C-alpha cells in the first residue's frame, strides 16, 4: 500500500454556560489587578480543558457604593477582545441592575402577570374554579414567589405596582 498512514484527529469543543466570577476590592486599582490576573488564569484553564469561551456573550457589571472613577474608563478584555459592560442583566430569571434597584425586574413581572391574567380572564366561566385557582398559582403566584428574598425587599413604593397587578389577577378568579 503506497498510501501514507493518515491519522484522523477529532476535537470536541464544549461551551461553558452561566459561569460567574465575582471580584471584590477596596479600590479600582485593586479590582483591575485582580481581573488582569484572573483573566489570564481563566484563558489558560479554558484552553487546557479544550473549552471555548464565547467572548461575545461575556459581560460584566460593577456594583459599588463608592466612586468608581478609574473603572469607568477601564475596558476589560478576554482573549484580547473587549468585554461589554451591562447596566442590567438577567441572572437565573431575576433582572439585576448595577444599583441593585428592582424596578426593571418588577416591571418585567408586572408585564408577565398582566399577560397571564388575560389568559385567566379568557378561561373564566369555561373552567371550574378549582382549576382556575391551580392556573392562578401556576401562571401568577409562582412568578411572585420566585426569589422574593432577593428582589422583594424593595421599597413599599417600588412594590406598589406589583401589588396592583397581583390584585387585578386575583379579581379574575372572583
C-alpha atoms as a PDB file:
ATOM      1  CA  UNK A   1       0.000   0.000   0.000  1.00  0.00           C
ATOM      2  CA  UNK A   2       1.540   3.321  -1.137  1.00  0.00           C
ATOM      3  CA  UNK A   3      -0.905   5.450   0.904  1.00  0.00           C
ATOM      4  CA  UNK A   4       0.617   7.058   3.992  1.00  0.00           C
ATOM      5  CA  UNK A   5      -0.993   6.244   7.300  1.00  0.00           C
ATOM      6  CA  UNK A   6      -3.366   9.149   7.935  1.00  0.00           C
ATOM      7  CA  UNK A   7      -4.433   9.661  11.478  1.00  0.00           C
ATOM      8  CA  UNK A   8      -7.735  11.451  11.981  1.00  0.00           C
ATOM      9  CA  UNK A   9      -7.999  13.753  14.952  1.00  0.00           C
ATOM     10  CA  UNK A  10     -11.406  14.753  16.209  1.00  0.00           C
ATOM     11  CA  UNK A  11     -11.642  17.602  18.649  1.00  0.00           C
ATOM     12  CA  UNK A  12     -14.807  18.330  20.576  1.00  0.00           C
ATOM     13  CA  UNK A  13     -15.420  21.912  21.537  1.00  0.00           C
ATOM     14  CA  UNK A  14     -17.549  22.444  24.613  1.00  0.00           C
ATOM     15  CA  UNK A  15     -19.054  25.686  25.777  1.00  0.00           C
ATOM     16  CA  UNK A  16     -19.287  26.584  29.425  1.00  0.00           C
ATOM     17  CA  UNK A  17     -22.600  28.271  30.207  1.00  0.00           C
ATOM     18  CA  UNK A  18     -23.544  30.516  33.085  1.00  0.00           C
ATOM     19  CA  UNK A  19     -20.202  30.698  34.826  1.00  0.00           C
ATOM     20  CA  UNK A  20     -19.912  33.701  37.121  1.00  0.00           C
ATOM     21  CA  UNK A  21     -16.884  35.298  38.663  1.00  0.00           C
ATOM     22  CA  UNK A  22     -17.178  37.825  41.460  1.00  0.00           C
ATOM     23  CA  UNK A  23     -14.257  40.075  42.298  1.00  0.00           C
ATOM     24  CA  UNK A  24     -14.118  42.375  45.292  1.00  0.00           C
ATOM     25  CA  UNK A  25     -11.629  45.077  46.066  1.00  0.00           C
ATOM     26  CA  UNK A  26     -11.078  48.145  48.191  1.00  0.00           C
ATOM     27  CA  UNK A  27     -10.491  50.367  45.150  1.00  0.00           C
ATOM     28  CA  UNK A  28     -10.453  50.426  41.342  1.00  0.00           C
ATOM     29  CA  UNK A  29      -6.732  49.659  41.071  1.00  0.00           C
ATOM     30  CA  UNK A  30      -7.089  46.516  43.178  1.00  0.00           C
ATOM     31  CA  UNK A  31     -10.021  45.299  41.072  1.00  0.00           C
ATOM     32  CA  UNK A  32      -8.152  45.899  37.819  1.00  0.00           C
ATOM     33  CA  UNK A  33      -5.117  43.981  39.068  1.00  0.00           C
ATOM     34  CA  UNK A  34      -7.275  41.085  40.260  1.00  0.00           C
ATOM     35  CA  UNK A  35      -9.151  40.990  36.958  1.00  0.00           C
ATOM     36  CA  UNK A  36      -5.973  41.019  34.855  1.00  0.00           C
ATOM     37  CA  UNK A  37      -4.523  38.130  36.875  1.00  0.00           C
ATOM     38  CA  UNK A  38      -7.762  36.145  36.848  1.00  0.00           C
ATOM     39  CA  UNK A  39      -8.394  36.650  33.120  1.00  0.00           C
ATOM     40  CA  UNK A  40      -5.004  35.125  32.300  1.00  0.00           C
ATOM     41  CA  UNK A  41      -5.686  32.154  34.577  1.00  0.00           C
ATOM     42  CA  UNK A  42      -9.147  31.695  33.077  1.00  0.00           C
ATOM     43  CA  UNK A  43      -7.855  31.823  29.496  1.00  0.00           C
ATOM     44  CA  UNK A  44      -5.204  29.202  30.339  1.00  0.00           C
ATOM     45  CA  UNK A  45      -7.739  26.970  32.099  1.00  0.00           C
ATOM     46  CA  UNK A  46     -10.224  27.192  29.211  1.00  0.00           C
ATOM     47  CA  UNK A  47      -7.514  26.317  26.680  1.00  0.00           C
ATOM     48  CA  UNK A  48      -6.054  23.450  28.732  1.00  0.00           C
ATOM     49  CA  UNK A  49      -9.507  21.872  29.105  1.00  0.00           C
ATOM     50  CA  UNK A  50     -10.356  22.155  25.386  1.00  0.00           C
ATOM     51  CA  UNK A  51     -13.174  24.555  26.119  1.00  0.00           C
ATOM     52  CA  UNK A  52     -14.045  27.702  24.279  1.00  0.00           C
ATOM     53  CA  UNK A  53     -15.129  30.990  25.799  1.00  0.00           C
ATOM     54  CA  UNK A  54     -17.660  32.960  23.791  1.00  0.00           C
ATOM     55  CA  UNK A  55     -16.441  36.489  24.465  1.00  0.00           C
ATOM     56  CA  UNK A  56     -19.453  37.944  22.620  1.00  0.00           C
ATOM     57  CA  UNK A  57     -21.682  36.542  25.379  1.00  0.00           C
ATOM     58  CA  UNK A  58     -19.310  37.528  28.156  1.00  0.00           C
ATOM     59  CA  UNK A  59     -20.124  40.719  30.030  1.00  0.00           C
ATOM     60  CA  UNK A  60     -19.569  42.371  33.361  1.00  0.00           C
ATOM     61  CA  UNK A  61     -21.310  44.584  35.893  1.00  0.00           C
ATOM     62  CA  UNK A  62     -19.933  46.879  38.561  1.00  0.00           C
ATOM     63  CA  UNK A  63     -21.677  47.083  41.916  1.00  0.00           C
ATOM     64  CA  UNK A  64     -20.343  49.846  44.128  1.00  0.00           C
ATOM     65  CA  UNK A  65     -21.389  52.204  46.863  1.00  0.00           C
ATOM     66  CA  UNK A  66     -18.318  54.417  46.327  1.00  0.00           C
ATOM     67  CA  UNK A  67     -16.905  56.457  43.425  1.00  0.00           C
ATOM     68  CA  UNK A  68     -15.586  54.046  40.782  1.00  0.00           C
ATOM     69  CA  UNK A  69     -13.599  56.700  38.867  1.00  0.00           C
ATOM     70  CA  UNK A  70     -10.857  54.607  37.214  1.00  0.00           C
ATOM     71  CA  UNK A  71     -13.205  51.719  36.428  1.00  0.00           C
ATOM     72  CA  UNK A  72     -15.368  53.917  34.217  1.00  0.00           C
ATOM     73  CA  UNK A  73     -12.526  54.306  31.689  1.00  0.00           C
ATOM     74  CA  UNK A  74     -11.164  50.771  32.041  1.00  0.00           C
ATOM     75  CA  UNK A  75     -12.093  48.310  29.265  1.00  0.00           C
ATOM     76  CA  UNK A  76     -11.531  44.748  30.437  1.00  0.00           C
ATOM     77  CA  UNK A  77     -10.587  42.245  27.769  1.00  0.00           C
ATOM     78  CA  UNK A  78     -10.780  38.496  27.488  1.00  0.00           C
ATOM     79  CA  UNK A  79      -8.675  36.734  24.861  1.00  0.00           C
ATOM     80  CA  UNK A  80      -7.716  40.197  23.540  1.00  0.00           C
ATOM     81  CA  UNK A  81     -11.360  41.128  22.897  1.00  0.00           C
ATOM     82  CA  UNK A  82     -13.258  43.785  24.858  1.00  0.00           C
ATOM     83  CA  UNK A  83     -15.981  42.688  27.255  1.00  0.00           C
ATOM     84  CA  UNK A  84     -19.286  44.552  27.265  1.00  0.00           C
ATOM     85  CA  UNK A  85     -20.432  46.304  30.430  1.00  0.00           C
ATOM     86  CA  UNK A  86     -24.084  45.763  31.341  1.00  0.00           C
ATOM     87  CA  UNK A  87     -26.254  48.000  33.490  1.00  0.00           C
ATOM     88  CA  UNK A  88     -28.994  45.327  33.728  1.00  0.00           C
ATOM     89  CA  UNK A  89     -28.531  41.575  33.450  1.00  0.00           C
ATOM     90  CA  UNK A  90     -30.826  38.595  33.806  1.00  0.00           C
ATOM     91  CA  UNK A  91     -29.438  36.087  36.276  1.00  0.00           C
ATOM     92  CA  UNK A  92     -31.409  32.897  36.959  1.00  0.00           C
ATOM     93  CA  UNK A  93     -34.641  34.643  35.986  1.00  0.00           C
ATOM     94  CA  UNK A  94     -34.073  37.775  38.067  1.00  0.00           C
ATOM     95  CA  UNK A  95     -33.253  41.094  36.401  1.00  0.00           C
ATOM     96  CA  UNK A  96     -30.452  42.759  38.360  1.00  0.00           C
ATOM     97  CA  UNK A  97     -29.246  46.290  37.765  1.00  0.00           C
ATOM     98  CA  UNK A  98     -25.920  47.717  38.838  1.00  0.00           C
ATOM     99  CA  UNK A  99     -27.558  49.838  41.560  1.00  0.00           C
ATOM    100  CA  UNK A 100     -29.470  46.854  42.959  1.00  0.00           C
ATOM    101  CA  UNK A 101     -32.781  48.565  42.349  1.00  0.00           C
ATOM    102  CA  UNK A 102     -35.510  46.166  41.316  1.00  0.00           C
ATOM    103  CA  UNK A 103     -37.599  48.456  39.100  1.00  0.00           C
ATOM    104  CA  UNK A 104     -36.759  46.603  35.874  1.00  0.00           C
ATOM    105  CA  UNK A 105     -37.471  43.209  37.440  1.00  0.00           C
ATOM    106  CA  UNK A 106     -40.760  44.404  38.923  1.00  0.00           C
ATOM    107  CA  UNK A 107     -41.830  45.926  35.578  1.00  0.00           C
ATOM    108  CA  UNK A 108     -40.985  42.650  33.836  1.00  0.00           C
ATOM    109  CA  UNK A 109     -43.007  40.731  36.428  1.00  0.00           C
ATOM    110  CA  UNK A 110     -45.986  43.073  36.003  1.00  0.00           C
ATOM    111  CA  UNK A 111     -45.929  42.549  32.240  1.00  0.00           C
ATOM    112  CA  UNK A 112     -45.779  38.778  32.678  1.00  0.00           C
ATOM    113  CA  UNK A 113     -48.578  38.806  35.269  1.00  0.00           C
ATOM    114  CA  UNK A 114     -50.775  41.006  33.065  1.00  0.00           C
ATOM    115  CA  UNK A 115     -50.363  38.651  30.101  1.00  0.00           C
ATOM    116  CA  UNK A 116     -51.110  35.629  32.242  1.00  0.00           C
ATOM    117  CA  UNK A 117     -54.089  37.379  33.856  1.00  0.00           C
ATOM    118  CA  UNK A 118     -55.543  37.816  30.382  1.00  0.00           C
ATOM    119  CA  UNK A 119     -55.299  34.053  29.877  1.00  0.00           C
ATOM    120  CA  UNK A 120     -57.138  33.509  33.164  1.00  0.00           C
ATOM    121  CA  UNK A 121     -59.762  36.063  32.175  1.00  0.00           C
ATOM    122  CA  UNK A 122     -60.436  34.223  28.911  1.00  0.00           C
ATOM    123  CA  UNK A 123     -60.794  30.901  30.788  1.00  0.00           C
ATOM    124  CA  UNK A 124     -63.181  32.342  33.406  1.00  0.00           C
ATOM    125  CA  UNK A 125     -66.559  30.669  33.171  1.00  0.00           C
ATOM    126  CA  UNK A 126     -65.182  27.879  30.995  1.00  0.00           C
ATOM    127  CA  UNK A 127     -63.063  26.078  33.590  1.00  0.00           C
ATOM    128  CA  UNK A 128     -64.118  25.089  37.120  1.00  0.00           C
ATOM    129  CA  UNK A 129     -62.984  27.344  39.992  1.00  0.00           C
ATOM    130  CA  UNK A 130     -60.604  24.677  41.332  1.00  0.00           C
ATOM    131  CA  UNK A 131     -58.711  24.549  38.014  1.00  0.00           C
ATOM    132  CA  UNK A 132     -58.735  28.359  37.810  1.00  0.00           C
ATOM    133  CA  UNK A 133     -57.029  28.507  41.228  1.00  0.00           C
ATOM    134  CA  UNK A 134     -54.439  25.983  40.071  1.00  0.00           C
ATOM    135  CA  UNK A 135     -53.797  28.073  36.960  1.00  0.00           C
ATOM    136  CA  UNK A 136     -53.524  31.206  39.110  1.00  0.00           C
ATOM    137  CA  UNK A 137     -50.838  29.552  41.244  1.00  0.00           C
ATOM    138  CA  UNK A 138     -49.025  28.325  38.121  1.00  0.00           C
ATOM    139  CA  UNK A 139     -49.283  31.473  35.992  1.00  0.00           C
ATOM    140  CA  UNK A 140     -49.211  34.225  38.616  1.00  0.00           C
ATOM    141  CA  UNK A 141     -48.240  33.227  42.129  1.00  0.00           C
ATOM    142  CA  UNK A 142     -45.205  31.150  41.087  1.00  0.00           C
ATOM    143  CA  UNK A 143     -43.631  34.241  39.486  1.00  0.00           C
ATOM    144  CA  UNK A 144     -44.382  36.358  42.543  1.00  0.00           C
ATOM    145  CA  UNK A 145     -42.815  33.806  44.891  1.00  0.00           C
ATOM    146  CA  UNK A 146     -39.661  33.199  42.862  1.00  0.00           C
ATOM    147  CA  UNK A 147     -36.593  34.735  44.553  1.00  0.00           C
ATOM    148  CA  UNK A 148     -38.596  37.169  46.679  1.00  0.00           C
ATOM    149  CA  UNK A 149     -35.862  37.082  49.311  1.00  0.00           C
ATOM    150  CA  UNK A 150     -33.706  38.934  46.766  1.00  0.00           C
ATOM    151  CA  UNK A 151     -35.966  41.391  44.938  1.00  0.00           C
ATOM    152  CA  UNK A 152     -38.866  41.517  47.398  1.00  0.00           C
ATOM    153  CA  UNK A 153     -37.020  43.778  49.812  1.00  0.00           C
ATOM    154  CA  UNK A 154     -37.612  46.822  47.641  1.00  0.00           C
ATOM    155  CA  UNK A 155     -39.275  49.925  48.975  1.00  0.00           C
ATOM    156  CA  UNK A 156     -43.010  49.944  49.548  1.00  0.00           C
ATOM    157  CA  UNK A 157     -43.374  52.414  46.695  1.00  0.00           C
ATOM    158  CA  UNK A 158     -41.406  50.238  44.242  1.00  0.00           C
ATOM    159  CA  UNK A 159     -43.537  47.187  45.069  1.00  0.00           C
ATOM    160  CA  UNK A 160     -46.858  49.060  44.815  1.00  0.00           C
ATOM    161  CA  UNK A 161     -47.140  48.477  41.043  1.00  0.00           C
ATOM    162  CA  UNK A 162     -46.674  44.748  41.592  1.00  0.00           C
ATOM    163  CA  UNK A 163     -49.401  44.609  44.236  1.00  0.00           C
ATOM    164  CA  UNK A 164     -51.801  46.319  41.824  1.00  0.00           C
ATOM    165  CA  UNK A 165     -51.002  43.711  39.145  1.00  0.00           C
ATOM    166  CA  UNK A 166     -51.492  40.914  41.656  1.00  0.00           C
ATOM    167  CA  UNK A 167     -54.873  42.312  42.772  1.00  0.00           C
ATOM    168  CA  UNK A 168     -56.062  42.500  39.155  1.00  0.00           C
ATOM    169  CA  UNK A 169     -55.082  38.872  38.671  1.00  0.00           C
ATOM    170  CA  UNK A 170     -56.904  37.827  41.835  1.00  0.00           C
ATOM    171  CA  UNK A 171     -60.035  39.657  40.669  1.00  0.00           C
ATOM    172  CA  UNK A 172     -60.162  37.423  37.582  1.00  0.00           C
ATOM    173  CA  UNK A 173     -60.826  34.495  39.909  1.00  0.00           C
ATOM    174  CA  UNK A 174     -63.757  36.080  41.753  1.00  0.00           C
END
